[in-house]
């Protein structure tokens, strides 16, 4: 019974740390997209849509910042 408690607690702890890691990465990606948008509300929505598009295209994490910067530069002004 003791081993069962240790295993369940360890698995729950590992799952929680994985979940927290994934959430923090998503928050950081969202903050990056929003920081590239500035104060423009339409551009914020555009950049969040671009972030969703990057996730759908499976853009690698190392390439995400440059990819989002290119999308921000391609935003139609005016």
PDB file of N, CA and C in Angstrom:
ATOM      1  N   UNK A   1       0.819  -1.190   0.000  1.00  0.00           N
ATOM      2  CA  UNK A   1       0.000   0.000   0.000  1.00  0.00           C
ATOM      3  C   UNK A   1       0.866   1.259   0.000  1.00  0.00           C
ATOM      4  N   UNK A   2       1.989   1.216   0.706  1.00  0.00           N
ATOM      5  CA  UNK A   2       2.871   2.382   0.763  1.00  0.00           C
ATOM      6  C   UNK A   2       3.417   2.720  -0.622  1.00  0.00           C
ATOM      7  N   UNK A   3       3.769   1.680  -1.374  1.00  0.00           N
ATOM      8  CA  UNK A   3       4.305   1.920  -2.721  1.00  0.00           C
ATOM      9  C   UNK A   3       3.250   2.551  -3.618  1.00  0.00           C
ATOM     10  N   UNK A   4       2.031   2.137  -3.455  1.00  0.00           N
ATOM     11  CA  UNK A   4       0.940   2.699  -4.246  1.00  0.00           C
ATOM     12  C   UNK A   4       0.807   4.197  -3.997  1.00  0.00           C
ATOM     13  N   UNK A   5       0.861   4.605  -2.754  1.00  0.00           N
ATOM     14  CA  UNK A   5       0.759   6.023  -2.405  1.00  0.00           C
ATOM     15  C   UNK A   5       1.925   6.801  -2.997  1.00  0.00           C
ATOM     16  N   UNK A   6       3.114   6.241  -2.921  1.00  0.00           N
ATOM     17  CA  UNK A   6       4.300   6.908  -3.469  1.00  0.00           C
ATOM     18  C   UNK A   6       4.177   7.046  -4.983  1.00  0.00           C
ATOM     19  N   UNK A   7       3.732   6.002  -5.656  1.00  0.00           N
ATOM     20  CA  UNK A   7       3.582   6.035  -7.113  1.00  0.00           C
ATOM     21  C   UNK A   7       2.513   7.046  -7.520  1.00  0.00           C
ATOM     22  N   UNK A   8       1.372   7.027  -6.875  1.00  0.00           N
ATOM     23  CA  UNK A   8       0.290   7.946  -7.217  1.00  0.00           C
ATOM     24  C   UNK A   8       0.729   9.386  -6.973  1.00  0.00           C
ATOM     25  N   UNK A   9       1.372   9.640  -5.858  1.00  0.00           N
ATOM     26  CA  UNK A   9       1.835  10.989  -5.549  1.00  0.00           C
ATOM     27  C   UNK A   9       2.885  11.451  -6.548  1.00  0.00           C
ATOM     28  N   UNK A  10       3.797  10.593  -6.920  1.00  0.00           N
ATOM     29  CA  UNK A  10       4.845  10.937  -7.885  1.00  0.00           C
ATOM     30  C   UNK A  10       4.248  11.226  -9.247  1.00  0.00           C
ATOM     31  N   UNK A  11       3.343  10.383  -9.698  1.00  0.00           N
ATOM     32  CA  UNK A  11       2.703  10.589 -10.995  1.00  0.00           C
ATOM     33  C   UNK A  11       1.895  11.883 -10.996  1.00  0.00           C
ATOM     34  N   UNK A  12       1.173  12.137  -9.929  1.00  0.00           N
ATOM     35  CA  UNK A  12       0.393  13.377  -9.849  1.00  0.00           C
ATOM     36  C   UNK A  12       1.308  14.594  -9.856  1.00  0.00           C
ATOM     37  N   UNK A  13       2.410  14.532  -9.147  1.00  0.00           N
ATOM     38  CA  UNK A  13       3.372  15.635  -9.128  1.00  0.00           C
ATOM     39  C   UNK A  13       3.999  15.871 -10.490  1.00  0.00           C
ATOM     40  N   UNK A  14       4.371  14.798 -11.172  1.00  0.00           N
ATOM     41  CA  UNK A  14       4.958  14.932 -12.503  1.00  0.00           C
ATOM     42  C   UNK A  14       3.950  15.508 -13.491  1.00  0.00           C
ATOM     43  N   UNK A  15       2.715  15.073 -13.410  1.00  0.00           N
ATOM     44  CA  UNK A  15       1.679  15.596 -14.292  1.00  0.00           C
ATOM     45  C   UNK A  15       1.467  17.083 -14.027  1.00  0.00           C
ATOM     46  N   UNK A  16       1.407  17.464 -12.765  1.00  0.00           N
ATOM     47  CA  UNK A  16       1.205  18.865 -12.428  1.00  0.00           C
ATOM     48  C   UNK A  16       2.355  19.724 -12.949  1.00  0.00           C
ATOM     49  N   UNK A  17       3.585  19.279 -12.806  1.00  0.00           N
ATOM     50  CA  UNK A  17       4.722  20.044 -13.307  1.00  0.00           C
ATOM     51  C   UNK A  17       4.699  20.140 -14.827  1.00  0.00           C
ATOM     52  N   UNK A  18       4.325  19.076 -15.508  1.00  0.00           N
ATOM     53  CA  UNK A  18       4.208  19.118 -16.966  1.00  0.00           C
ATOM     54  C   UNK A  18       3.135  20.113 -17.372  1.00  0.00           C
ATOM     55  N   UNK A  19       1.965  20.054 -16.714  1.00  0.00           N
ATOM     56  CA  UNK A  19       0.860  20.954 -17.019  1.00  0.00           C
ATOM     57  C   UNK A  19       1.265  22.398 -16.791  1.00  0.00           C
ATOM     58  N   UNK A  20       1.949  22.679 -15.703  1.00  0.00           N
ATOM     59  CA  UNK A  20       2.399  24.028 -15.395  1.00  0.00           C
ATOM     60  C   UNK A  20       3.410  24.518 -16.431  1.00  0.00           C
ATOM     61  N   UNK A  21       4.322  23.654 -16.841  1.00  0.00           N
ATOM     62  CA  UNK A  21       5.317  23.988 -17.857  1.00  0.00           C
ATOM     63  C   UNK A  21       4.638  24.364 -19.178  1.00  0.00           C
ATOM     64  N   UNK A  22       3.663  23.579 -19.588  1.00  0.00           N
ATOM     65  CA  UNK A  22       2.946  23.850 -20.834  1.00  0.00           C
ATOM     66  C   UNK A  22       2.187  25.168 -20.735  1.00  0.00           C
ATOM     67  N   UNK A  23       1.514  25.429 -19.628  1.00  0.00           N
ATOM     68  CA  UNK A  23       0.775  26.683 -19.441  1.00  0.00           C
ATOM     69  C   UNK A  23       1.708  27.889 -19.498  1.00  0.00           C
ATOM     70  N   UNK A  24       2.855  27.803 -18.841  1.00  0.00           N
ATOM     71  CA  UNK A  24       3.797  28.921 -18.836  1.00  0.00           C
ATOM     72  C   UNK A  24       4.321  29.174 -20.241  1.00  0.00           C
ATOM     73  N   UNK A  25       4.609  28.121 -20.992  1.00  0.00           N
ATOM     74  CA  UNK A  25       5.057  28.305 -22.381  1.00  0.00           C
ATOM     75  C   UNK A  25       3.985  28.985 -23.217  1.00  0.00           C
ATOM     76  N   UNK A  26       2.731  28.596 -23.049  1.00  0.00           N
ATOM     77  CA  UNK A  26       1.632  29.237 -23.788  1.00  0.00           C
ATOM     78  C   UNK A  26       1.498  30.704 -23.413  1.00  0.00           C
ATOM     79  N   UNK A  27       1.618  31.005 -22.117  1.00  0.00           N
ATOM     80  CA  UNK A  27       1.535  32.390 -21.668  1.00  0.00           C
ATOM     81  C   UNK A  27       2.667  33.223 -22.256  1.00  0.00           C
ATOM     82  N   UNK A  28       3.873  32.640 -22.294  1.00  0.00           N
ATOM     83  CA  UNK A  28       5.018  33.371 -22.854  1.00  0.00           C
ATOM     84  C   UNK A  28       4.823  33.627 -24.345  1.00  0.00           C
ATOM     85  N   UNK A  29       4.325  32.651 -25.071  1.00  0.00           N
ATOM     86  CA  UNK A  29       4.062  32.826 -26.503  1.00  0.00           C
ATOM     87  C   UNK A  29       2.999  33.889 -26.729  1.00  0.00           C
ATOM     88  N   UNK A  30       1.965  33.865 -25.914  1.00  0.00           N
ATOM     89  CA  UNK A  30       0.894  34.864 -26.039  1.00  0.00           C
ATOM     90  C   UNK A  30       1.429  36.258 -25.722  1.00  0.00           C
ATOM     91  N   UNK A  31       2.222  36.373 -24.679  1.00  0.00           N
ATOM     92  CA  UNK A  31       2.800  37.672 -24.336  1.00  0.00           C
ATOM     93  C   UNK A  31       3.716  38.185 -25.433  1.00  0.00           C
ATOM     94  N   UNK A  32       4.460  37.287 -26.070  1.00  0.00           N
ATOM     95  CA  UNK A  32       5.325  37.689 -27.179  1.00  0.00           C
ATOM     96  C   UNK A  32       4.478  38.240 -28.327  1.00  0.00           C
ATOM     97  N   UNK A  33       3.433  37.535 -28.684  1.00  0.00           N
ATOM     98  CA  UNK A  33       2.563  37.986 -29.782  1.00  0.00           C
ATOM     99  C   UNK A  33       1.927  39.331 -29.456  1.00  0.00           C
ATOM    100  N   UNK A  34       1.467  39.494 -28.226  1.00  0.00           N
ATOM    101  CA  UNK A  34       0.835  40.748 -27.845  1.00  0.00           C
ATOM    102  C   UNK A  34       1.838  41.892 -27.760  1.00  0.00           C
ATOM    103  N   UNK A  35       3.063  41.602 -27.370  1.00  0.00           N
ATOM    104  CA  UNK A  35       4.070  42.665 -27.297  1.00  0.00           C
ATOM    105  C   UNK A  35       4.439  43.163 -28.690  1.00  0.00           C
ATOM    106  N   UNK A  36       4.373  42.290 -29.675  1.00  0.00           N
ATOM    107  CA  UNK A  36       4.654  42.700 -31.050  1.00  0.00           C
ATOM    108  C   UNK A  36       3.505  43.524 -31.630  1.00  0.00           C
ATOM    109  N   UNK A  37       2.326  43.430 -31.021  1.00  0.00           N
ATOM    110  CA  UNK A  37       1.166  44.158 -31.524  1.00  0.00           C
ATOM    111  C   UNK A  37       1.121  45.595 -31.022  1.00  0.00           C
ATOM    112  N   UNK A  38       1.745  45.866 -29.902  1.00  0.00           N
ATOM    113  CA  UNK A  38       1.680  47.215 -29.353  1.00  0.00           C
ATOM    114  C   UNK A  38       0.320  47.486 -28.747  1.00  0.00           C
ATOM    115  N   UNK A  39      -0.182  48.707 -28.907  1.00  0.00           N
ATOM    116  CA  UNK A  39      -1.446  49.110 -28.289  1.00  0.00           C
ATOM    117  C   UNK A  39      -2.645  48.962 -29.226  1.00  0.00           C
ATOM    118  N   UNK A  40      -2.421  48.631 -30.477  1.00  0.00           N
ATOM    119  CA  UNK A  40      -3.480  48.509 -31.471  1.00  0.00           C
ATOM    120  C   UNK A  40      -4.302  47.242 -31.227  1.00  0.00           C
ATOM    121  N   UNK A  41      -5.580  47.419 -30.917  1.00  0.00           N
ATOM    122  CA  UNK A  41      -6.451  46.276 -30.592  1.00  0.00           C
ATOM    123  C   UNK A  41      -6.639  45.334 -31.781  1.00  0.00           C
ATOM    124  N   UNK A  42      -6.763  45.887 -32.976  1.00  0.00           N
ATOM    125  CA  UNK A  42      -6.923  45.032 -34.165  1.00  0.00           C
ATOM    126  C   UNK A  42      -5.658  44.217 -34.412  1.00  0.00           C
ATOM    127  N   UNK A  43      -4.518  44.846 -34.199  1.00  0.00           N
ATOM    128  CA  UNK A  43      -3.257  44.123 -34.406  1.00  0.00           C
ATOM    129  C   UNK A  43      -3.078  43.041 -33.345  1.00  0.00           C
ATOM    130  N   UNK A  44      -3.574  43.298 -32.131  1.00  0.00           N
ATOM    131  CA  UNK A  44      -3.511  42.263 -31.089  1.00  0.00           C
ATOM    132  C   UNK A  44      -4.308  41.029 -31.519  1.00  0.00           C
ATOM    133  N   UNK A  45      -5.511  41.261 -32.038  1.00  0.00           N
ATOM    134  CA  UNK A  45      -6.333  40.145 -32.511  1.00  0.00           C
ATOM    135  C   UNK A  45      -5.646  39.431 -33.675  1.00  0.00           C
ATOM    136  N   UNK A  46      -5.047  40.215 -34.564  1.00  0.00           N
ATOM    137  CA  UNK A  46      -4.320  39.644 -35.707  1.00  0.00           C
ATOM    138  C   UNK A  46      -3.144  38.786 -35.229  1.00  0.00           C
ATOM    139  N   UNK A  47      -2.395  39.289 -34.259  1.00  0.00           N
ATOM    140  CA  UNK A  47      -1.228  38.555 -33.776  1.00  0.00           C
ATOM    141  C   UNK A  47      -1.635  37.285 -33.028  1.00  0.00           C
ATOM    142  N   UNK A  48      -2.740  37.327 -32.303  1.00  0.00           N
ATOM    143  CA  UNK A  48      -3.228  36.108 -31.648  1.00  0.00           C
ATOM    144  C   UNK A  48      -3.690  35.084 -32.677  1.00  0.00           C
ATOM    145  N   UNK A  49      -4.288  35.562 -33.758  1.00  0.00           N
ATOM    146  CA  UNK A  49      -4.664  34.649 -34.846  1.00  0.00           C
ATOM    147  C   UNK A  49      -3.419  34.061 -35.492  1.00  0.00           C
ATOM    148  N   UNK A  50      -2.381  34.880 -35.646  1.00  0.00           N
ATOM    149  CA  UNK A  50      -1.112  34.386 -36.198  1.00  0.00           C
ATOM    150  C   UNK A  50      -0.488  33.339 -35.276  1.00  0.00           C
ATOM    151  N   UNK A  51      -0.599  33.557 -33.973  1.00  0.00           N
ATOM    152  CA  UNK A  51      -0.077  32.576 -33.017  1.00  0.00           C
ATOM    153  C   UNK A  51      -0.812  31.253 -33.158  1.00  0.00           C
ATOM    154  N   UNK A  52      -2.122  31.302 -33.315  1.00  0.00           N
ATOM    155  CA  UNK A  52      -2.896  30.075 -33.542  1.00  0.00           C
ATOM    156  C   UNK A  52      -2.471  29.398 -34.845  1.00  0.00           C
ATOM    157  N   UNK A  53      -2.220  30.218 -35.860  1.00  0.00           N
ATOM    158  CA  UNK A  53      -1.772  29.692 -37.154  1.00  0.00           C
ATOM    159  C   UNK A  53      -0.401  29.029 -37.011  1.00  0.00           C
ATOM    160  N   UNK A  54       0.477  29.640 -36.238  1.00  0.00           N
ATOM    161  CA  UNK A  54       1.809  29.064 -36.011  1.00  0.00           C
ATOM    162  C   UNK A  54       1.695  27.725 -35.296  1.00  0.00           C
ATOM    163  N   UNK A  55       0.791  27.634 -34.337  1.00  0.00           N
ATOM    164  CA  UNK A  55       0.597  26.358 -33.634  1.00  0.00           C
ATOM    165  C   UNK A  55       0.050  25.302 -34.589  1.00  0.00           C
ATOM    166  N   UNK A  56      -0.863  25.707 -35.473  1.00  0.00           N
ATOM    167  CA  UNK A  56      -1.438  24.761 -36.435  1.00  0.00           C
ATOM    168  C   UNK A  56      -0.389  24.288 -37.428  1.00  0.00           C
ATOM    169  N   UNK A  57       0.530  25.192 -37.789  1.00  0.00           N
ATOM    170  CA  UNK A  57       1.599  24.841 -38.724  1.00  0.00           C
ATOM    171  C   UNK A  57       2.784  24.177 -38.029  1.00  0.00           C
ATOM    172  N   UNK A  58       2.692  24.058 -36.720  1.00  0.00           N
ATOM    173  CA  UNK A  58       3.746  23.442 -35.907  1.00  0.00           C
ATOM    174  C   UNK A  58       5.096  24.135 -36.096  1.00  0.00           C
ATOM    175  N   UNK A  59       5.071  25.459 -36.021  1.00  0.00           N
ATOM    176  CA  UNK A  59       6.312  26.236 -36.084  1.00  0.00           C
ATOM    177  C   UNK A  59       7.114  25.892 -34.840  1.00  0.00           C
ATOM    178  N   UNK A  60       8.392  25.595 -35.031  1.00  0.00           N
ATOM    179  CA  UNK A  60       9.234  25.205 -33.903  1.00  0.00           C
ATOM    180  C   UNK A  60       9.424  26.375 -32.946  1.00  0.00           C
ATOM    181  N   UNK A  61       9.600  26.050 -31.705  1.00  0.00           N
ATOM    182  CA  UNK A  61       9.730  27.062 -30.651  1.00  0.00           C
ATOM    183  C   UNK A  61      10.888  28.010 -30.925  1.00  0.00           C
ATOM    184  N   UNK A  62      12.004  27.501 -31.409  1.00  0.00           N
ATOM    185  CA  UNK A  62      13.163  28.350 -31.688  1.00  0.00           C
ATOM    186  C   UNK A  62      12.894  29.331 -32.828  1.00  0.00           C
ATOM    187  N   UNK A  63      11.978  28.995 -33.703  1.00  0.00           N
ATOM    188  CA  UNK A  63      11.674  29.836 -34.859  1.00  0.00           C
ATOM    189  C   UNK A  63      10.446  30.723 -34.645  1.00  0.00           C
ATOM    190  N   UNK A  64       9.755  30.545 -33.533  1.00  0.00           N
ATOM    191  CA  UNK A  64       8.488  31.233 -33.322  1.00  0.00           C
ATOM    192  C   UNK A  64       8.645  32.750 -33.253  1.00  0.00           C
ATOM    193  N   UNK A  65       9.638  33.246 -32.548  1.00  0.00           N
ATOM    194  CA  UNK A  65       9.808  34.693 -32.409  1.00  0.00           C
ATOM    195  C   UNK A  65      10.029  35.346 -33.767  1.00  0.00           C
ATOM    196  N   UNK A  66      10.918  34.785 -34.570  1.00  0.00           N
ATOM    197  CA  UNK A  66      11.183  35.341 -35.897  1.00  0.00           C
ATOM    198  C   UNK A  66       9.939  35.233 -36.783  1.00  0.00           C
ATOM    199  N   UNK A  67       9.218  34.134 -36.667  1.00  0.00           N
ATOM    200  CA  UNK A  67       8.008  33.945 -37.466  1.00  0.00           C
ATOM    201  C   UNK A  67       6.970  34.989 -37.110  1.00  0.00           C
ATOM    202  N   UNK A  68       6.780  35.220 -35.822  1.00  0.00           N
ATOM    203  CA  UNK A  68       5.806  36.222 -35.386  1.00  0.00           C
ATOM    204  C   UNK A  68       6.244  37.633 -35.776  1.00  0.00           C
ATOM    205  N   UNK A  69       7.531  37.907 -35.738  1.00  0.00           N
ATOM    206  CA  UNK A  69       8.019  39.221 -36.161  1.00  0.00           C
ATOM    207  C   UNK A  69       7.735  39.461 -37.641  1.00  0.00           C
ATOM    208  N   UNK A  70       7.905  38.429 -38.461  1.00  0.00           N
ATOM    209  CA  UNK A  70       7.587  38.557 -39.886  1.00  0.00           C
ATOM    210  C   UNK A  70       6.097  38.818 -40.093  1.00  0.00           C
ATOM    211  N   UNK A  71       5.273  38.138 -39.304  1.00  0.00           N
ATOM    212  CA  UNK A  71       3.830  38.348 -39.410  1.00  0.00           C
ATOM    213  C   UNK A  71       3.448  39.759 -38.955  1.00  0.00           C
ATOM    214  N   UNK A  72       4.104  40.237 -37.922  1.00  0.00           N
ATOM    215  CA  UNK A  72       3.826  41.602 -37.442  1.00  0.00           C
ATOM    216  C   UNK A  72       4.237  42.631 -38.487  1.00  0.00           C
ATOM    217  N   UNK A  73       5.361  42.382 -39.167  1.00  0.00           N
ATOM    218  CA  UNK A  73       5.818  43.309 -40.210  1.00  0.00           C
ATOM    219  C   UNK A  73       4.884  43.276 -41.412  1.00  0.00           C
ATOM    220  N   UNK A  74       4.231  42.150 -41.640  1.00  0.00           N
ATOM    221  CA  UNK A  74       3.324  42.030 -42.786  1.00  0.00           C
ATOM    222  C   UNK A  74       1.928  42.561 -42.494  1.00  0.00           C
ATOM    223  N   UNK A  75       1.691  43.010 -41.271  1.00  0.00           N
ATOM    224  CA  UNK A  75       0.370  43.539 -40.903  1.00  0.00           C
ATOM    225  C   UNK A  75       0.060  44.771 -41.725  1.00  0.00           C
ATOM    226  N   UNK A  76      -1.097  44.808 -42.370  1.00  0.00           N
ATOM    227  CA  UNK A  76      -1.430  45.976 -43.206  1.00  0.00           C
ATOM    228  C   UNK A  76      -1.689  47.220 -42.346  1.00  0.00           C
ATOM    229  N   UNK A  77      -0.932  48.251 -42.598  1.00  0.00           N
ATOM    230  CA  UNK A  77      -1.084  49.517 -41.849  1.00  0.00           C
ATOM    231  C   UNK A  77      -2.231  50.325 -42.447  1.00  0.00           C
ATOM    232  N   UNK A  78      -2.938  51.030 -41.582  1.00  0.00           N
ATOM    233  CA  UNK A  78      -3.972  51.932 -42.059  1.00  0.00           C
ATOM    234  C   UNK A  78      -5.285  51.313 -42.018  1.00  0.00           C
TER     235      UNK A  78
END
